[in-house]
């Protein structure tokens, strides 16, 4: 077992289960860490928080024995996490503009099949690409995003309004939105129960909630174990369909569907992310760079991500 003294109490904290409240003595350790990878300084912790971070996890990952929720504990204190996100500048994320627009144009089709109009809020909106896509599709859409830099990018390049901060800080009125989306967001937040509770408060009865997330009990996650690419320092929680369903059911939602979520990225971007895990394999797949245009080819891929769709009960 990893020595708890490695986790400087000035920067790290133990957390109880966010779903059922069981304390951290009632957990199984799924993954422990190399002591040399634990950040020692505040600046190290702040620097890892960005939308496209590839910092392999440096926290202990545990599973609650009572409800099965999987999460990081000890973990950086909330003020360090939110501070890191608010200061984050993520050139890598916006470098994939073309691919992300295509991904979200497919995603908005799913939304359209469920409700073809209304007021939409995107939580964790990053540079506003989904909000822009939703507006083009006829929705009255806006977003919230902790990174002030991302909010400026959204305004400068896409002409959309992304409010800087968290959804809890916005103090929206009750029943303000018809649709709320969270694309690769919930695993990042310090308190998923509180974030989802806020979403339930501001969503109108009958409103839709769409949550895209990396599924830790997916077959790929089981095959790759601690080499699974979503075991990252930026991810504080690791959901399964069971645990995510427990969240939404307790907060007054009914599940409408759950399906595989495909995304698109440029080939060389995927290769660079692969290199973090296997330099040898990345070197091999770079051989395809000799094919004209292949380096920037958009590649659809599945990487253990799923979309849960729910509706707030009337």
C-alpha atoms as a PDB file:
ATOM      1  CA  UNK A   1       0.000   0.000   0.000  1.00  0.00           C
ATOM      2  CA  UNK A   2       1.199   3.467  -0.859  1.00  0.00           C
ATOM      3  CA  UNK A   3       2.506   5.548   2.019  1.00  0.00           C
ATOM      4  CA  UNK A   4      -0.053   8.266   2.757  1.00  0.00           C
ATOM      5  CA  UNK A   5       2.778  10.592   3.774  1.00  0.00           C
ATOM      6  CA  UNK A   6       3.515  11.018   0.060  1.00  0.00           C
ATOM      7  CA  UNK A   7       0.339  13.075  -0.254  1.00  0.00           C
ATOM      8  CA  UNK A   8       1.210  16.461   1.224  1.00  0.00           C
ATOM      9  CA  UNK A   9      -1.841  17.457   3.337  1.00  0.00           C
ATOM     10  CA  UNK A  10      -1.313  21.055   2.293  1.00  0.00           C
ATOM     11  CA  UNK A  11      -2.324  20.102  -1.239  1.00  0.00           C
ATOM     12  CA  UNK A  12      -4.163  16.761  -0.982  1.00  0.00           C
ATOM     13  CA  UNK A  13      -7.234  15.535   0.855  1.00  0.00           C
ATOM     14  CA  UNK A  14      -9.020  12.247   1.479  1.00  0.00           C
ATOM     15  CA  UNK A  15     -12.618  12.233   0.270  1.00  0.00           C
ATOM     16  CA  UNK A  16     -15.635  10.132   1.153  1.00  0.00           C
ATOM     17  CA  UNK A  17     -17.850   8.536  -1.476  1.00  0.00           C
ATOM     18  CA  UNK A  18     -19.706  11.275  -3.341  1.00  0.00           C
ATOM     19  CA  UNK A  19     -22.605   8.969  -4.179  1.00  0.00           C
ATOM     20  CA  UNK A  20     -23.481   7.196  -0.917  1.00  0.00           C
ATOM     21  CA  UNK A  21     -21.352   9.052   1.647  1.00  0.00           C
ATOM     22  CA  UNK A  22     -19.301   6.060   2.840  1.00  0.00           C
ATOM     23  CA  UNK A  23     -15.980   7.199   4.284  1.00  0.00           C
ATOM     24  CA  UNK A  24     -12.631   6.423   2.660  1.00  0.00           C
ATOM     25  CA  UNK A  25     -11.887   3.536   5.027  1.00  0.00           C
ATOM     26  CA  UNK A  26     -14.662   1.581   3.299  1.00  0.00           C
ATOM     27  CA  UNK A  27     -12.977   1.423  -0.113  1.00  0.00           C
ATOM     28  CA  UNK A  28     -10.975  -1.004  -2.201  1.00  0.00           C
ATOM     29  CA  UNK A  29      -7.795   0.302  -3.811  1.00  0.00           C
ATOM     30  CA  UNK A  30      -7.981  -0.353  -7.560  1.00  0.00           C
ATOM     31  CA  UNK A  31      -4.804   1.445  -8.580  1.00  0.00           C
ATOM     32  CA  UNK A  32      -1.935   2.785  -6.524  1.00  0.00           C
ATOM     33  CA  UNK A  33       0.775   5.032  -7.874  1.00  0.00           C
ATOM     34  CA  UNK A  34       4.479   5.309  -8.331  1.00  0.00           C
ATOM     35  CA  UNK A  35       5.689   7.542  -5.458  1.00  0.00           C
ATOM     36  CA  UNK A  36       7.872   9.429  -7.905  1.00  0.00           C
ATOM     37  CA  UNK A  37       4.807  10.613  -9.827  1.00  0.00           C
ATOM     38  CA  UNK A  38       3.027  12.334  -6.949  1.00  0.00           C
ATOM     39  CA  UNK A  39       3.197  16.129  -7.472  1.00  0.00           C
ATOM     40  CA  UNK A  40       4.950  17.862  -4.617  1.00  0.00           C
ATOM     41  CA  UNK A  41       4.344  21.514  -5.447  1.00  0.00           C
ATOM     42  CA  UNK A  42       1.266  23.617  -5.891  1.00  0.00           C
ATOM     43  CA  UNK A  43       2.395  24.739  -9.352  1.00  0.00           C
ATOM     44  CA  UNK A  44       2.626  21.104 -10.485  1.00  0.00           C
ATOM     45  CA  UNK A  45      -0.980  20.531  -9.495  1.00  0.00           C
ATOM     46  CA  UNK A  46      -2.254  23.655 -11.216  1.00  0.00           C
ATOM     47  CA  UNK A  47      -0.394  22.942 -14.451  1.00  0.00           C
ATOM     48  CA  UNK A  48      -2.089  19.577 -15.054  1.00  0.00           C
ATOM     49  CA  UNK A  49      -5.649  20.877 -15.366  1.00  0.00           C
ATOM     50  CA  UNK A  50      -6.660  21.408 -18.978  1.00  0.00           C
ATOM     51  CA  UNK A  51      -9.229  19.907 -21.341  1.00  0.00           C
ATOM     52  CA  UNK A  52      -6.704  17.875 -23.337  1.00  0.00           C
ATOM     53  CA  UNK A  53      -4.324  16.973 -20.510  1.00  0.00           C
ATOM     54  CA  UNK A  54      -2.320  13.774 -20.941  1.00  0.00           C
ATOM     55  CA  UNK A  55      -0.891  13.729 -17.424  1.00  0.00           C
ATOM     56  CA  UNK A  56      -1.196  10.094 -16.350  1.00  0.00           C
ATOM     57  CA  UNK A  57      -2.919   9.875 -13.000  1.00  0.00           C
ATOM     58  CA  UNK A  58      -0.881  10.507  -9.859  1.00  0.00           C
ATOM     59  CA  UNK A  59      -3.623   9.796  -7.323  1.00  0.00           C
ATOM     60  CA  UNK A  60      -4.866   6.595  -5.725  1.00  0.00           C
ATOM     61  CA  UNK A  61      -8.021   5.244  -7.394  1.00  0.00           C
ATOM     62  CA  UNK A  62     -10.459   3.519  -5.054  1.00  0.00           C
ATOM     63  CA  UNK A  63     -13.858   1.832  -5.272  1.00  0.00           C
ATOM     64  CA  UNK A  64     -16.572   2.291  -2.662  1.00  0.00           C
ATOM     65  CA  UNK A  65     -17.501  -1.052  -1.112  1.00  0.00           C
ATOM     66  CA  UNK A  66     -21.067   0.106  -0.515  1.00  0.00           C
ATOM     67  CA  UNK A  67     -22.204   1.510  -3.888  1.00  0.00           C
ATOM     68  CA  UNK A  68     -19.318   0.806  -6.284  1.00  0.00           C
ATOM     69  CA  UNK A  69     -18.423   4.410  -7.181  1.00  0.00           C
ATOM     70  CA  UNK A  70     -14.816   4.672  -8.372  1.00  0.00           C
ATOM     71  CA  UNK A  71     -12.865   7.841  -7.626  1.00  0.00           C
ATOM     72  CA  UNK A  72      -9.492   9.366  -6.762  1.00  0.00           C
ATOM     73  CA  UNK A  73      -8.563   9.620  -3.071  1.00  0.00           C
ATOM     74  CA  UNK A  74      -6.414  11.279  -1.828  1.00  0.00           C
ATOM     75  CA  UNK A  75      -6.770  13.993  -4.431  1.00  0.00           C
ATOM     76  CA  UNK A  76      -5.787  17.658  -4.818  1.00  0.00           C
ATOM     77  CA  UNK A  77      -7.875  20.073  -2.786  1.00  0.00           C
ATOM     78  CA  UNK A  78     -10.816  21.676  -4.655  1.00  0.00           C
ATOM     79  CA  UNK A  79      -9.329  25.172  -4.632  1.00  0.00           C
ATOM     80  CA  UNK A  80      -6.248  23.882  -6.474  1.00  0.00           C
ATOM     81  CA  UNK A  81      -8.369  22.056  -9.028  1.00  0.00           C
ATOM     82  CA  UNK A  82     -10.722  24.942  -9.748  1.00  0.00           C
ATOM     83  CA  UNK A  83      -7.791  27.358  -9.689  1.00  0.00           C
ATOM     84  CA  UNK A  84      -5.971  25.238 -12.238  1.00  0.00           C
ATOM     85  CA  UNK A  85      -8.968  25.085 -14.561  1.00  0.00           C
ATOM     86  CA  UNK A  86      -9.643  28.820 -14.303  1.00  0.00           C
ATOM     87  CA  UNK A  87      -6.065  29.577 -15.397  1.00  0.00           C
ATOM     88  CA  UNK A  88      -5.830  26.848 -18.053  1.00  0.00           C
ATOM     89  CA  UNK A  89      -4.867  27.732 -21.619  1.00  0.00           C
ATOM     90  CA  UNK A  90      -5.275  24.769 -23.931  1.00  0.00           C
ATOM     91  CA  UNK A  91      -3.878  25.233 -27.425  1.00  0.00           C
ATOM     92  CA  UNK A  92      -4.084  21.477 -28.055  1.00  0.00           C
ATOM     93  CA  UNK A  93      -7.842  21.468 -27.592  1.00  0.00           C
ATOM     94  CA  UNK A  94      -8.523  24.274 -30.050  1.00  0.00           C
ATOM     95  CA  UNK A  95      -6.049  22.807 -32.566  1.00  0.00           C
ATOM     96  CA  UNK A  96      -8.708  20.162 -33.259  1.00  0.00           C
ATOM     97  CA  UNK A  97     -11.439  22.631 -34.222  1.00  0.00           C
ATOM     98  CA  UNK A  98     -12.351  20.897 -37.496  1.00  0.00           C
ATOM     99  CA  UNK A  99     -12.653  17.473 -35.881  1.00  0.00           C
ATOM    100  CA  UNK A 100     -14.599  18.763 -32.894  1.00  0.00           C
ATOM    101  CA  UNK A 101     -17.138  20.541 -35.109  1.00  0.00           C
ATOM    102  CA  UNK A 102     -17.763  17.264 -36.955  1.00  0.00           C
ATOM    103  CA  UNK A 103     -18.105  15.360 -33.690  1.00  0.00           C
ATOM    104  CA  UNK A 104     -20.591  17.856 -32.300  1.00  0.00           C
ATOM    105  CA  UNK A 105     -22.601  18.035 -35.513  1.00  0.00           C
ATOM    106  CA  UNK A 106     -23.189  14.334 -35.041  1.00  0.00           C
ATOM    107  CA  UNK A 107     -23.989  14.892 -31.371  1.00  0.00           C
ATOM    108  CA  UNK A 108     -26.545  17.599 -32.103  1.00  0.00           C
ATOM    109  CA  UNK A 109     -28.421  15.110 -34.288  1.00  0.00           C
ATOM    110  CA  UNK A 110     -28.991  13.010 -31.169  1.00  0.00           C
ATOM    111  CA  UNK A 111     -30.325  16.068 -29.357  1.00  0.00           C
ATOM    112  CA  UNK A 112     -32.557  16.952 -32.316  1.00  0.00           C
ATOM    113  CA  UNK A 113     -34.191  13.528 -32.270  1.00  0.00           C
ATOM    114  CA  UNK A 114     -35.184  14.124 -28.659  1.00  0.00           C
ATOM    115  CA  UNK A 115     -36.140  17.810 -28.803  1.00  0.00           C
ATOM    116  CA  UNK A 116     -35.699  20.074 -31.816  1.00  0.00           C
ATOM    117  CA  UNK A 117     -35.818  23.460 -30.067  1.00  0.00           C
ATOM    118  CA  UNK A 118     -35.540  25.164 -26.711  1.00  0.00           C
ATOM    119  CA  UNK A 119     -33.041  26.757 -24.368  1.00  0.00           C
ATOM    120  CA  UNK A 120     -29.827  24.760 -24.040  1.00  0.00           C
ATOM    121  CA  UNK A 121     -26.969  25.006 -21.534  1.00  0.00           C
ATOM    122  CA  UNK A 122     -23.631  23.318 -22.142  1.00  0.00           C
ATOM    123  CA  UNK A 123     -21.748  22.767 -18.859  1.00  0.00           C
ATOM    124  CA  UNK A 124     -17.971  22.735 -19.265  1.00  0.00           C
ATOM    125  CA  UNK A 125     -18.289  24.271 -22.704  1.00  0.00           C
ATOM    126  CA  UNK A 126     -14.529  24.695 -23.381  1.00  0.00           C
ATOM    127  CA  UNK A 127     -14.085  26.923 -26.457  1.00  0.00           C
ATOM    128  CA  UNK A 128     -17.790  26.945 -27.299  1.00  0.00           C
ATOM    129  CA  UNK A 129     -17.777  24.645 -30.317  1.00  0.00           C
ATOM    130  CA  UNK A 130     -20.815  22.665 -29.190  1.00  0.00           C
ATOM    131  CA  UNK A 131     -22.664  25.873 -28.256  1.00  0.00           C
ATOM    132  CA  UNK A 132     -21.918  27.270 -31.718  1.00  0.00           C
ATOM    133  CA  UNK A 133     -23.155  24.033 -33.283  1.00  0.00           C
ATOM    134  CA  UNK A 134     -26.343  24.129 -31.200  1.00  0.00           C
ATOM    135  CA  UNK A 135     -27.059  27.736 -32.190  1.00  0.00           C
ATOM    136  CA  UNK A 136     -26.614  26.829 -35.858  1.00  0.00           C
ATOM    137  CA  UNK A 137     -29.109  24.001 -35.308  1.00  0.00           C
ATOM    138  CA  UNK A 138     -31.725  26.428 -34.001  1.00  0.00           C
ATOM    139  CA  UNK A 139     -31.314  26.261 -30.230  1.00  0.00           C
ATOM    140  CA  UNK A 140     -31.102  29.199 -27.845  1.00  0.00           C
ATOM    141  CA  UNK A 141     -27.765  28.019 -26.477  1.00  0.00           C
ATOM    142  CA  UNK A 142     -25.129  29.245 -24.047  1.00  0.00           C
ATOM    143  CA  UNK A 143     -22.412  27.661 -21.940  1.00  0.00           C
ATOM    144  CA  UNK A 144     -20.386  27.854 -18.741  1.00  0.00           C
ATOM    145  CA  UNK A 145     -16.667  27.120 -18.544  1.00  0.00           C
ATOM    146  CA  UNK A 146     -14.100  27.584 -15.741  1.00  0.00           C
ATOM    147  CA  UNK A 147     -11.284  28.620 -18.092  1.00  0.00           C
ATOM    148  CA  UNK A 148     -11.447  32.369 -18.742  1.00  0.00           C
ATOM    149  CA  UNK A 149      -9.079  31.847 -21.678  1.00  0.00           C
ATOM    150  CA  UNK A 150     -11.488  29.376 -23.304  1.00  0.00           C
ATOM    151  CA  UNK A 151     -14.368  31.810 -22.831  1.00  0.00           C
ATOM    152  CA  UNK A 152     -12.405  34.475 -24.695  1.00  0.00           C
ATOM    153  CA  UNK A 153     -11.636  32.043 -27.517  1.00  0.00           C
ATOM    154  CA  UNK A 154     -15.360  31.284 -27.821  1.00  0.00           C
ATOM    155  CA  UNK A 155     -16.206  34.959 -28.132  1.00  0.00           C
ATOM    156  CA  UNK A 156     -13.311  35.853 -30.430  1.00  0.00           C
ATOM    157  CA  UNK A 157     -13.521  32.988 -32.914  1.00  0.00           C
ATOM    158  CA  UNK A 158     -17.120  31.776 -32.762  1.00  0.00           C
ATOM    159  CA  UNK A 159     -19.084  34.760 -31.504  1.00  0.00           C
ATOM    160  CA  UNK A 160     -20.786  32.765 -28.761  1.00  0.00           C
ATOM    161  CA  UNK A 161     -21.341  33.557 -25.097  1.00  0.00           C
ATOM    162  CA  UNK A 162     -19.602  31.260 -22.636  1.00  0.00           C
ATOM    163  CA  UNK A 163     -19.843  32.425 -19.023  1.00  0.00           C
ATOM    164  CA  UNK A 164     -16.609  32.046 -17.025  1.00  0.00           C
ATOM    165  CA  UNK A 165     -16.992  29.905 -13.921  1.00  0.00           C
ATOM    166  CA  UNK A 166     -18.887  26.826 -12.767  1.00  0.00           C
ATOM    167  CA  UNK A 167     -22.598  26.189 -13.144  1.00  0.00           C
ATOM    168  CA  UNK A 168     -22.987  26.433  -9.365  1.00  0.00           C
ATOM    169  CA  UNK A 169     -21.530  29.958  -9.436  1.00  0.00           C
ATOM    170  CA  UNK A 170     -23.936  31.177 -12.123  1.00  0.00           C
ATOM    171  CA  UNK A 171     -27.042  31.138  -9.871  1.00  0.00           C
ATOM    172  CA  UNK A 172     -29.432  30.518 -12.772  1.00  0.00           C
ATOM    173  CA  UNK A 173     -33.137  30.666 -11.941  1.00  0.00           C
ATOM    174  CA  UNK A 174     -35.079  27.467 -11.306  1.00  0.00           C
ATOM    175  CA  UNK A 175     -36.420  25.731 -14.421  1.00  0.00           C
ATOM    176  CA  UNK A 176     -34.369  27.912 -16.782  1.00  0.00           C
ATOM    177  CA  UNK A 177     -33.375  25.364 -19.448  1.00  0.00           C
ATOM    178  CA  UNK A 178     -34.950  22.718 -21.660  1.00  0.00           C
ATOM    179  CA  UNK A 179     -31.707  20.846 -22.332  1.00  0.00           C
ATOM    180  CA  UNK A 180     -28.440  20.514 -20.429  1.00  0.00           C
ATOM    181  CA  UNK A 181     -25.373  18.827 -21.905  1.00  0.00           C
ATOM    182  CA  UNK A 182     -22.085  17.718 -20.349  1.00  0.00           C
ATOM    183  CA  UNK A 183     -19.499  16.520 -22.854  1.00  0.00           C
ATOM    184  CA  UNK A 184     -16.501  14.906 -21.096  1.00  0.00           C
ATOM    185  CA  UNK A 185     -17.121  17.021 -17.999  1.00  0.00           C
ATOM    186  CA  UNK A 186     -18.615  15.129 -15.051  1.00  0.00           C
ATOM    187  CA  UNK A 187     -15.467  13.077 -14.409  1.00  0.00           C
ATOM    188  CA  UNK A 188     -13.566  16.357 -13.855  1.00  0.00           C
ATOM    189  CA  UNK A 189     -15.764  18.034 -11.236  1.00  0.00           C
ATOM    190  CA  UNK A 190     -15.010  17.960  -7.508  1.00  0.00           C
ATOM    191  CA  UNK A 191     -18.589  17.204  -6.469  1.00  0.00           C
ATOM    192  CA  UNK A 192     -20.644  15.381  -9.135  1.00  0.00           C
ATOM    193  CA  UNK A 193     -23.672  15.106  -6.839  1.00  0.00           C
ATOM    194  CA  UNK A 194     -23.776  18.865  -6.344  1.00  0.00           C
ATOM    195  CA  UNK A 195     -23.246  19.576 -10.042  1.00  0.00           C
ATOM    196  CA  UNK A 196     -26.030  17.191 -11.053  1.00  0.00           C
ATOM    197  CA  UNK A 197     -28.270  18.573  -8.305  1.00  0.00           C
ATOM    198  CA  UNK A 198     -27.745  22.056  -9.734  1.00  0.00           C
ATOM    199  CA  UNK A 199     -28.524  20.749 -13.230  1.00  0.00           C
ATOM    200  CA  UNK A 200     -31.757  19.238 -11.902  1.00  0.00           C
ATOM    201  CA  UNK A 201     -32.722  22.547 -10.265  1.00  0.00           C
ATOM    202  CA  UNK A 202     -32.271  24.679 -13.370  1.00  0.00           C
ATOM    203  CA  UNK A 203     -33.733  22.159 -15.815  1.00  0.00           C
ATOM    204  CA  UNK A 204     -37.448  22.384 -16.510  1.00  0.00           C
ATOM    205  CA  UNK A 205     -39.668  19.365 -15.743  1.00  0.00           C
ATOM    206  CA  UNK A 206     -39.476  17.117 -18.774  1.00  0.00           C
ATOM    207  CA  UNK A 207     -36.129  18.660 -19.723  1.00  0.00           C
ATOM    208  CA  UNK A 208     -33.270  16.597 -21.106  1.00  0.00           C
ATOM    209  CA  UNK A 209     -29.876  15.842 -19.602  1.00  0.00           C
ATOM    210  CA  UNK A 210     -27.100  14.370 -21.779  1.00  0.00           C
ATOM    211  CA  UNK A 211     -23.876  13.181 -20.133  1.00  0.00           C
ATOM    212  CA  UNK A 212     -20.924  11.925 -22.143  1.00  0.00           C
ATOM    213  CA  UNK A 213     -18.339  10.063 -20.029  1.00  0.00           C
ATOM    214  CA  UNK A 214     -15.505   7.503 -20.147  1.00  0.00           C
ATOM    215  CA  UNK A 215     -16.817   4.159 -18.866  1.00  0.00           C
ATOM    216  CA  UNK A 216     -14.348   2.424 -16.556  1.00  0.00           C
ATOM    217  CA  UNK A 217     -15.993  -1.007 -16.828  1.00  0.00           C
ATOM    218  CA  UNK A 218     -15.890  -0.941 -20.621  1.00  0.00           C
ATOM    219  CA  UNK A 219     -14.080  -3.884 -22.221  1.00  0.00           C
ATOM    220  CA  UNK A 220     -11.175  -1.672 -23.327  1.00  0.00           C
ATOM    221  CA  UNK A 221     -10.697  -0.358 -19.801  1.00  0.00           C
ATOM    222  CA  UNK A 222     -10.624  -3.925 -18.468  1.00  0.00           C
ATOM    223  CA  UNK A 223      -8.095  -5.002 -21.093  1.00  0.00           C
ATOM    224  CA  UNK A 224      -5.681  -2.105 -20.568  1.00  0.00           C
ATOM    225  CA  UNK A 225      -6.002  -1.841 -16.776  1.00  0.00           C
ATOM    226  CA  UNK A 226      -3.753   0.875 -15.358  1.00  0.00           C
ATOM    227  CA  UNK A 227      -2.626   1.666 -18.928  1.00  0.00           C
ATOM    228  CA  UNK A 228      -6.163   2.760 -19.824  1.00  0.00           C
ATOM    229  CA  UNK A 229      -5.885   6.198 -21.406  1.00  0.00           C
ATOM    230  CA  UNK A 230      -8.609   7.802 -19.262  1.00  0.00           C
ATOM    231  CA  UNK A 231      -6.727   7.215 -16.012  1.00  0.00           C
ATOM    232  CA  UNK A 232      -5.614  10.829 -15.815  1.00  0.00           C
ATOM    233  CA  UNK A 233      -4.930  13.312 -13.049  1.00  0.00           C
ATOM    234  CA  UNK A 234      -7.703  15.522 -14.394  1.00  0.00           C
ATOM    235  CA  UNK A 235     -10.258  12.756 -13.811  1.00  0.00           C
ATOM    236  CA  UNK A 236     -11.510  12.661 -10.247  1.00  0.00           C
ATOM    237  CA  UNK A 237     -14.356  10.175 -10.806  1.00  0.00           C
ATOM    238  CA  UNK A 238     -14.741   7.072 -12.971  1.00  0.00           C
ATOM    239  CA  UNK A 239     -18.333   6.119 -13.715  1.00  0.00           C
ATOM    240  CA  UNK A 240     -20.131   2.974 -14.792  1.00  0.00           C
ATOM    241  CA  UNK A 241     -23.701   2.835 -16.135  1.00  0.00           C
ATOM    242  CA  UNK A 242     -24.758   1.572 -12.694  1.00  0.00           C
ATOM    243  CA  UNK A 243     -23.223   4.370 -10.634  1.00  0.00           C
ATOM    244  CA  UNK A 244     -24.227   7.120 -13.061  1.00  0.00           C
ATOM    245  CA  UNK A 245     -27.781   5.748 -13.102  1.00  0.00           C
ATOM    246  CA  UNK A 246     -27.857   5.859  -9.299  1.00  0.00           C
ATOM    247  CA  UNK A 247     -26.921   9.547  -9.415  1.00  0.00           C
ATOM    248  CA  UNK A 248     -29.608  10.585 -11.860  1.00  0.00           C
ATOM    249  CA  UNK A 249     -32.333   8.445 -10.309  1.00  0.00           C
ATOM    250  CA  UNK A 250     -31.707   9.955  -6.870  1.00  0.00           C
ATOM    251  CA  UNK A 251     -31.994  13.447  -8.323  1.00  0.00           C
ATOM    252  CA  UNK A 252     -35.348  12.956 -10.023  1.00  0.00           C
ATOM    253  CA  UNK A 253     -34.349  11.870 -13.526  1.00  0.00           C
ATOM    254  CA  UNK A 254     -35.462   8.888 -15.570  1.00  0.00           C
ATOM    255  CA  UNK A 255     -32.986   7.253 -17.923  1.00  0.00           C
ATOM    256  CA  UNK A 256     -34.004   7.347 -21.590  1.00  0.00           C
ATOM    257  CA  UNK A 257     -30.973   5.734 -23.173  1.00  0.00           C
ATOM    258  CA  UNK A 258     -27.331   4.799 -23.022  1.00  0.00           C
ATOM    259  CA  UNK A 259     -25.139   4.352 -26.081  1.00  0.00           C
ATOM    260  CA  UNK A 260     -21.615   4.345 -27.480  1.00  0.00           C
ATOM    261  CA  UNK A 261     -20.233   7.801 -28.213  1.00  0.00           C
ATOM    262  CA  UNK A 262     -17.908   8.187 -31.200  1.00  0.00           C
ATOM    263  CA  UNK A 263     -15.573  11.135 -31.679  1.00  0.00           C
ATOM    264  CA  UNK A 264     -13.262  12.402 -34.389  1.00  0.00           C
ATOM    265  CA  UNK A 265      -9.712  13.741 -34.132  1.00  0.00           C
ATOM    266  CA  UNK A 266      -6.790  14.250 -36.487  1.00  0.00           C
ATOM    267  CA  UNK A 267      -4.554  11.223 -36.913  1.00  0.00           C
ATOM    268  CA  UNK A 268      -1.383  12.932 -35.676  1.00  0.00           C
ATOM    269  CA  UNK A 269      -3.196  14.249 -32.579  1.00  0.00           C
ATOM    270  CA  UNK A 270      -4.266  10.713 -31.682  1.00  0.00           C
ATOM    271  CA  UNK A 271      -0.740   9.448 -32.275  1.00  0.00           C
ATOM    272  CA  UNK A 272       0.775  12.059 -29.978  1.00  0.00           C
ATOM    273  CA  UNK A 273      -1.636  11.093 -27.220  1.00  0.00           C
ATOM    274  CA  UNK A 274      -0.790   7.440 -27.814  1.00  0.00           C
ATOM    275  CA  UNK A 275       2.911   8.227 -27.403  1.00  0.00           C
ATOM    276  CA  UNK A 276       2.320   9.026 -23.723  1.00  0.00           C
ATOM    277  CA  UNK A 277       1.447   5.367 -23.176  1.00  0.00           C
ATOM    278  CA  UNK A 278       3.591   3.585 -25.748  1.00  0.00           C
ATOM    279  CA  UNK A 279       6.424   5.382 -27.515  1.00  0.00           C
ATOM    280  CA  UNK A 280       7.227   2.223 -29.491  1.00  0.00           C
ATOM    281  CA  UNK A 281       3.683   1.819 -30.843  1.00  0.00           C
ATOM    282  CA  UNK A 282       3.461   5.530 -31.647  1.00  0.00           C
ATOM    283  CA  UNK A 283       6.690   5.252 -33.633  1.00  0.00           C
ATOM    284  CA  UNK A 284       5.190   2.435 -35.700  1.00  0.00           C
ATOM    285  CA  UNK A 285       1.918   4.184 -36.508  1.00  0.00           C
ATOM    286  CA  UNK A 286       3.819   7.348 -37.468  1.00  0.00           C
ATOM    287  CA  UNK A 287       5.065   5.410 -40.487  1.00  0.00           C
ATOM    288  CA  UNK A 288       1.731   6.211 -42.093  1.00  0.00           C
ATOM    289  CA  UNK A 289       2.769   9.875 -42.169  1.00  0.00           C
ATOM    290  CA  UNK A 290       4.474   9.147 -45.473  1.00  0.00           C
ATOM    291  CA  UNK A 291       1.043   8.904 -47.101  1.00  0.00           C
ATOM    292  CA  UNK A 292       0.145  12.393 -48.379  1.00  0.00           C
ATOM    293  CA  UNK A 293      -2.521  13.994 -46.217  1.00  0.00           C
ATOM    294  CA  UNK A 294      -2.747  11.090 -43.785  1.00  0.00           C
ATOM    295  CA  UNK A 295      -1.242  13.017 -40.885  1.00  0.00           C
ATOM    296  CA  UNK A 296      -4.191  15.435 -40.804  1.00  0.00           C
ATOM    297  CA  UNK A 297      -6.857  12.921 -41.773  1.00  0.00           C
ATOM    298  CA  UNK A 298      -9.882  12.937 -39.481  1.00  0.00           C
ATOM    299  CA  UNK A 299     -10.255   9.578 -37.762  1.00  0.00           C
ATOM    300  CA  UNK A 300     -13.520   8.421 -36.147  1.00  0.00           C
ATOM    301  CA  UNK A 301     -12.733   6.383 -33.067  1.00  0.00           C
ATOM    302  CA  UNK A 302     -14.227   4.679 -30.040  1.00  0.00           C
ATOM    303  CA  UNK A 303     -12.257   4.973 -26.796  1.00  0.00           C
ATOM    304  CA  UNK A 304     -14.595   3.721 -24.031  1.00  0.00           C
ATOM    305  CA  UNK A 305     -16.851   6.781 -24.116  1.00  0.00           C
ATOM    306  CA  UNK A 306     -20.607   6.524 -23.718  1.00  0.00           C
ATOM    307  CA  UNK A 307     -23.573   8.877 -23.721  1.00  0.00           C
ATOM    308  CA  UNK A 308     -26.292   8.655 -21.068  1.00  0.00           C
ATOM    309  CA  UNK A 309     -29.576  10.416 -21.832  1.00  0.00           C
ATOM    310  CA  UNK A 310     -32.040  11.255 -19.076  1.00  0.00           C
ATOM    311  CA  UNK A 311     -35.198  13.298 -18.584  1.00  0.00           C
ATOM    312  CA  UNK A 312     -36.243  15.259 -15.511  1.00  0.00           C
ATOM    313  CA  UNK A 313     -39.460  13.767 -14.208  1.00  0.00           C
ATOM    314  CA  UNK A 314     -42.603  15.852 -14.514  1.00  0.00           C
END
